Each structure stands twice: as structure tokens, then as C-alpha cells.
């Protein structure tokens, strides 16, 4: 079984953690700015909903791949509380540091959306909402499956030391699965897979309808993928986190 490291408050003052938080903030801000900005652009310029969905999916695929690559060596390039939780379940980041990351991601997303609203002359930052006829349970299941797919890809292409011939392609492949999942789930649950990506637009627009779906689904999906991959597919070769308090 993977060890879940608790960590402690001393981590908040460590130079490497501070650098990681700065990098995570910048990468998450740029990701949300481009992703939400693309959604706002399609709403303003594109009349065809299929073309708009494709543009949003491609924009997210590209910016996710680039921002993961940009942050990988400093913060890990999580961009997403579900990714952070999924890696915490596998023992790759402490619980305390995970909390710092999630707060960081939410602040970055909020700032990106506030700035987008200002720069576009007050346009609404489109929040994630369920499609007409979709119930909350259906939305949660959609988000569980989509986020499971995302975290399974992260583990298989970035975390797993046995990635072999795809070594170095992890961020690009992760971007691909994000784009594919938006194409699949966008018309139904919104294809969020990311509580921070959903939080910023909801905060700025003031639309919180079914917002809990975009926390429950991704957290379950990400945590489940991290648990399964770490315990059934990865050889236990990674160095345990240097913390004093652990739970099993």
C-alpha cells in the first residue's frame, strides 16, 4: 500500500516549497487564462457550437501540455487540485503541501478570471454547468470517469519510472487526453476535470449552480486513479517523502 505523508507546517517556509508555489501559481494562472479566454472567445466570435467545442478542446490541450512542461521541474505542473490529490494518494506530495497547492491554484484561477473579465470589458467568464436534462449524479459520474482518465495518464506517462519510450512525452500526452475528454464530456458535464478551472469562472460570474459536482467528481476520480495506479502498476522504487508523520 502507498504511504500517504502528512507533512507539517514547516514546509511552508522551505525555499523549494516557496519556489514551487510561485511556479504553480504562474502555470495555473496561464492555464486558466488561456482556457477560459478561449471559451469566452468562442462565445463572442463562433456561432457553431461544434466548432466552439473543438476550439475550446484544442486550446485546453495545448495550454495544459505547455504549462505542465513549464512547471514540471519546479512544482510538478499540477494545475489542478484533482491532480494534486491524486499524487498525494500515491505519496508523491504531502497532505500539508497539497493544501498549499490547492489554495494556490484557486487563487491563480480567480485572478485569471478577474483579469479576463476586466480585459474583455465585462464579459461573463462562462462557468461549468450541467447540460439541460443532466442530473447531478450523472454529472458526478461523468467527472469521475474523465478525471480518472486524466490521472491515469499522468501516472502512466509522467510518474511511472517504467514509462520507457514515451519518456518526456507525458505533458503532451496529458494535454491530448484533456482535449479528448472535453470533446467527449463538454456537451454533458462541461468536461472540467479540474476544481480550480471551475472555481474561478464561478466566483467571478457568481453562478454556483451544481458547482459541488466539479469538486466531488474530480476528487473521487483523481484519488481513485492515484490509488489504483500506485498500488497495482508501479514498482515501489520512488523515494518516500522525508516527513515524520505518515498514515498507511
Protein backbone atom coordinates (compact mmCIF):
# COMPACT_ATOMS: atom_id res chain seq x y z
CA UNK A 1 0.00 0.00 0.00
CA UNK A 2 1.19 3.51 -0.81
CA UNK A 3 2.09 5.71 2.14
CA UNK A 4 0.21 8.99 2.47
CA UNK A 5 2.59 11.54 4.00
CA UNK A 6 1.01 14.14 6.26
CA UNK A 7 3.83 16.68 6.39
CA UNK A 8 3.79 19.69 8.71
CA UNK A 9 3.67 23.47 8.79
CA UNK A 10 7.45 23.79 8.50
CA UNK A 11 7.13 23.04 4.80
CA UNK A 12 5.54 26.45 4.19
CA UNK A 13 8.84 28.19 4.91
CA UNK A 14 11.12 25.90 2.92
CA UNK A 15 12.69 27.65 -0.12
CA UNK A 16 11.89 24.80 -2.50
CA UNK A 17 8.23 24.83 -1.46
CA UNK A 18 8.01 28.60 -1.90
CA UNK A 19 9.52 28.32 -5.38
CA UNK A 20 7.10 25.51 -6.17
CA UNK A 21 4.11 27.59 -5.06
CA UNK A 22 5.21 30.54 -7.18
CA UNK A 23 5.67 28.30 -10.21
CA UNK A 24 2.35 26.55 -9.61
CA UNK A 25 0.57 29.89 -9.32
CA UNK A 26 2.05 31.18 -12.58
CA UNK A 27 1.37 27.99 -14.53
CA UNK A 28 -2.18 27.65 -13.21
CA UNK A 29 -2.89 31.32 -13.91
CA UNK A 30 -1.70 30.99 -17.52
CA UNK A 31 -3.61 27.75 -17.99
CA UNK A 32 -6.90 29.22 -16.75
CA UNK A 33 -6.34 32.49 -18.61
CA UNK A 34 -5.93 30.65 -21.90
CA UNK A 35 -8.64 28.05 -21.25
CA UNK A 36 -11.34 30.40 -20.03
CA UNK A 37 -10.22 33.02 -22.55
CA UNK A 38 -10.75 30.52 -25.37
CA UNK A 39 -14.24 29.75 -24.07
CA UNK A 40 -15.04 33.46 -23.96
CA UNK A 41 -13.70 33.94 -27.49
CA UNK A 42 -15.85 31.17 -28.92
CA UNK A 43 -18.89 32.67 -27.23
CA UNK A 44 -18.15 36.01 -28.84
CA UNK A 45 -16.97 35.01 -32.32
CA UNK A 46 -18.23 31.50 -33.18
CA UNK A 47 -21.86 30.70 -33.88
CA UNK A 48 -21.40 26.97 -34.45
CA UNK A 49 -21.44 25.07 -31.14
CA UNK A 50 -19.44 22.14 -32.56
CA UNK A 51 -16.69 24.43 -33.83
CA UNK A 52 -16.69 26.22 -30.48
CA UNK A 53 -16.32 22.95 -28.59
CA UNK A 54 -13.43 21.92 -30.83
CA UNK A 55 -11.64 25.24 -30.32
CA UNK A 56 -12.02 25.04 -26.54
CA UNK A 57 -10.76 21.44 -26.50
CA UNK A 58 -7.72 22.26 -28.63
CA UNK A 59 -6.90 25.36 -26.56
CA UNK A 60 -7.01 23.36 -23.33
CA UNK A 61 -4.95 20.52 -24.82
CA UNK A 62 -2.23 22.91 -25.94
CA UNK A 63 -2.02 25.04 -22.81
CA UNK A 64 -2.11 22.01 -20.48
CA UNK A 65 0.78 20.38 -22.34
CA UNK A 66 2.86 23.55 -22.27
CA UNK A 67 2.14 24.56 -18.67
CA UNK A 68 2.82 21.06 -17.30
CA UNK A 69 6.15 21.14 -19.15
CA UNK A 70 6.89 24.63 -17.80
CA UNK A 71 6.20 23.70 -14.18
CA UNK A 72 7.28 20.07 -14.16
CA UNK A 73 10.76 20.54 -12.72
CA UNK A 74 9.73 23.13 -10.12
CA UNK A 75 6.22 22.40 -8.86
CA UNK A 76 5.31 19.31 -10.84
CA UNK A 77 2.96 21.33 -13.04
CA UNK A 78 -0.21 20.10 -11.36
CA UNK A 79 -2.54 22.98 -12.42
CA UNK A 80 -5.37 21.08 -10.81
CA UNK A 81 -6.46 20.14 -7.26
CA UNK A 82 -7.55 16.72 -8.54
CA UNK A 83 -4.02 16.05 -9.81
CA UNK A 84 -2.58 17.23 -6.50
CA UNK A 85 -4.92 14.94 -4.55
CA UNK A 86 -4.25 12.05 -6.91
CA UNK A 87 -0.50 12.41 -6.35
CA UNK A 88 -0.98 12.81 -2.58
CA UNK A 89 -2.82 9.48 -2.53
CA UNK A 90 0.24 7.92 -4.15
CA UNK A 91 2.58 9.50 -1.61
CA UNK A 92 4.29 11.90 -4.02
CA UNK A 93 3.31 15.08 -2.19
CA UNK A 94 2.46 15.62 1.47
CA UNK A 95 -1.06 16.44 2.60
CA UNK A 96 0.08 19.77 4.03
CA UNK A 97 1.81 20.75 0.81
CA UNK A 98 -1.24 19.60 -1.12
CA UNK A 99 -3.39 22.07 0.83
CA UNK A 100 -0.95 24.86 -0.03
CA UNK A 101 -1.05 23.84 -3.71
CA UNK A 102 -4.85 23.79 -3.82
CA UNK A 103 -5.15 27.24 -2.23
CA UNK A 104 -2.51 28.46 -4.69
CA UNK A 105 -4.41 27.00 -7.66
CA UNK A 106 -7.72 28.53 -6.57
CA UNK A 107 -6.16 31.97 -6.13
CA UNK A 108 -4.48 31.75 -9.53
CA UNK A 109 -7.73 30.72 -11.22
CA UNK A 110 -9.64 33.53 -9.52
CA UNK A 111 -7.10 36.16 -10.53
CA UNK A 112 -7.06 34.93 -14.12
CA UNK A 113 -10.85 35.18 -14.37
CA UNK A 114 -11.00 38.59 -12.70
CA UNK A 115 -8.43 39.86 -15.17
CA UNK A 116 -10.25 38.28 -18.12
CA UNK A 117 -13.49 39.99 -17.14
CA UNK A 118 -11.70 43.33 -16.91
CA UNK A 119 -9.78 42.92 -20.17
CA UNK A 120 -12.89 41.91 -22.14
CA UNK A 121 -14.99 44.84 -20.99
CA UNK A 122 -17.08 42.90 -18.51
CA UNK A 123 -17.82 39.71 -20.47
CA UNK A 124 -19.01 36.81 -18.36
CA UNK A 125 -16.44 34.15 -17.54
CA UNK A 126 -18.51 31.10 -18.55
CA UNK A 127 -18.93 28.75 -15.57
CA UNK A 128 -19.12 24.99 -15.86
CA UNK A 129 -22.75 23.88 -15.69
CA UNK A 130 -24.59 20.66 -16.39
CA UNK A 131 -26.39 20.34 -19.71
CA UNK A 132 -30.16 20.52 -19.83
CA UNK A 133 -31.56 17.14 -18.85
CA UNK A 134 -28.40 16.14 -16.93
CA UNK A 135 -28.81 15.31 -13.25
CA UNK A 136 -26.12 15.97 -10.63
CA UNK A 137 -25.39 12.24 -10.23
CA UNK A 138 -24.84 11.91 -13.97
CA UNK A 139 -22.54 14.92 -13.86
CA UNK A 140 -20.55 13.46 -10.97
CA UNK A 141 -20.10 10.15 -12.79
CA UNK A 142 -19.00 11.97 -15.95
CA UNK A 143 -16.41 13.93 -13.97
CA UNK A 144 -15.21 10.83 -12.10
CA UNK A 145 -14.54 8.98 -15.34
CA UNK A 146 -12.96 11.94 -17.14
CA UNK A 147 -10.70 12.80 -14.21
CA UNK A 148 -9.78 9.15 -13.68
CA UNK A 149 -8.66 9.13 -17.32
CA UNK A 150 -6.59 12.26 -16.74
CA UNK A 151 -4.83 10.99 -13.61
CA UNK A 152 -4.29 7.53 -15.07
CA UNK A 153 -2.48 9.25 -17.94
CA UNK A 154 -0.43 11.42 -15.59
CA UNK A 155 0.72 8.37 -13.65
CA UNK A 156 1.38 6.27 -16.74
CA UNK A 157 3.27 8.90 -18.74
CA UNK A 158 4.91 11.15 -16.11
CA UNK A 159 5.08 9.41 -12.72
CA UNK A 160 5.74 5.77 -13.61
CA UNK A 161 9.51 5.14 -13.78
CA UNK A 162 8.84 2.38 -16.35
CA UNK A 163 7.38 4.76 -18.96
CA UNK A 164 10.14 3.75 -21.38
CA UNK A 165 9.81 5.01 -24.96
CA UNK A 166 7.27 7.69 -24.02
CA UNK A 167 9.65 9.30 -21.51
CA UNK A 168 9.43 13.08 -21.96
CA UNK A 169 6.11 12.94 -23.80
CA UNK A 170 4.00 12.92 -20.64
CA UNK A 171 2.89 16.57 -20.69
CA UNK A 172 1.92 16.37 -24.37
CA UNK A 173 0.00 13.14 -23.90
CA UNK A 174 -1.73 14.55 -20.84
CA UNK A 175 -2.77 17.57 -22.92
CA UNK A 176 -4.16 15.21 -25.55
CA UNK A 177 -6.34 13.37 -23.03
CA UNK A 178 -7.63 16.66 -21.62
CA UNK A 179 -8.65 17.77 -25.12
CA UNK A 180 -10.25 14.42 -25.89
CA UNK A 181 -12.18 14.42 -22.61
CA UNK A 182 -13.52 17.92 -23.27
CA UNK A 183 -14.75 16.76 -26.66
CA UNK A 184 -16.43 13.77 -25.00
CA UNK A 185 -17.83 15.36 -21.85
CA UNK A 186 -18.06 19.04 -22.68
CA UNK A 187 -21.63 18.91 -24.03
CA UNK A 188 -22.82 16.98 -20.96
CA UNK A 189 -20.97 17.79 -17.71
CA UNK A 190 -18.77 20.55 -19.10
CA UNK A 191 -15.67 18.35 -19.06
CA UNK A 192 -14.00 20.18 -16.20
CA UNK A 193 -11.78 17.52 -14.53
CA UNK A 194 -10.39 20.42 -12.51
CA UNK A 195 -11.99 22.12 -9.46
CA UNK A 196 -9.73 25.17 -9.86
CA UNK A 197 -10.69 25.58 -13.52
CA UNK A 198 -14.35 25.57 -12.44
CA UNK A 199 -13.86 27.73 -9.33
CA UNK A 200 -12.52 30.90 -10.96
CA UNK A 201 -15.34 31.35 -13.50
CA UNK A 202 -17.97 30.50 -10.88
CA UNK A 203 -16.54 33.05 -8.44
CA UNK A 204 -16.34 35.87 -10.97
CA UNK A 205 -19.69 35.15 -12.66
CA UNK A 206 -21.49 34.43 -9.39
CA UNK A 207 -23.01 31.25 -10.85
CA UNK A 208 -22.60 28.36 -8.39
CA UNK A 209 -25.28 26.03 -9.76
CA UNK A 210 -24.16 22.42 -9.21
CA UNK A 211 -20.63 23.67 -8.52
CA UNK A 212 -20.11 20.89 -5.99
CA UNK A 213 -20.20 18.41 -8.88
CA UNK A 214 -16.89 19.83 -10.10
CA UNK A 215 -15.26 19.09 -6.77
CA UNK A 216 -16.75 15.72 -5.87
CA UNK A 217 -16.33 14.11 -9.28
CA UNK A 218 -12.70 15.14 -9.94
CA UNK A 219 -11.57 14.42 -6.38
CA UNK A 220 -13.04 10.90 -6.46
CA UNK A 221 -11.76 10.21 -9.97
CA UNK A 222 -8.29 11.59 -9.29
CA UNK A 223 -7.91 9.89 -5.93
CA UNK A 224 -9.12 6.55 -7.29
CA UNK A 225 -6.71 6.66 -10.25
CA UNK A 226 -3.80 7.55 -7.98
CA UNK A 227 -4.61 4.75 -5.56
CA UNK A 228 -5.04 2.10 -8.25
CA UNK A 229 -2.01 3.01 -10.32
CA UNK A 230 0.32 3.39 -7.35
CA UNK A 231 -0.75 0.13 -5.73
CA UNK A 232 -1.21 -2.11 -8.76
CA UNK A 233 1.01 -0.86 -11.58
CA UNK A 234 4.05 0.99 -10.21
CA UNK A 235 7.07 -0.80 -8.84
CA UNK A 236 7.88 0.66 -5.43
CA UNK A 237 11.06 2.41 -6.47
CA UNK A 238 10.31 6.07 -5.70
CA UNK A 239 11.95 7.60 -2.63
CA UNK A 240 9.48 8.07 0.26
CA UNK A 241 8.79 11.65 1.26
CA UNK A 242 11.01 12.87 4.11
CA UNK A 243 8.29 13.50 6.66
CA UNK A 244 7.85 12.40 10.22
CA UNK A 245 4.13 11.70 10.28
CA UNK A 246 2.63 9.18 7.89
CA UNK A 247 -0.56 7.21 7.65
CA UNK A 248 -0.97 3.99 5.77
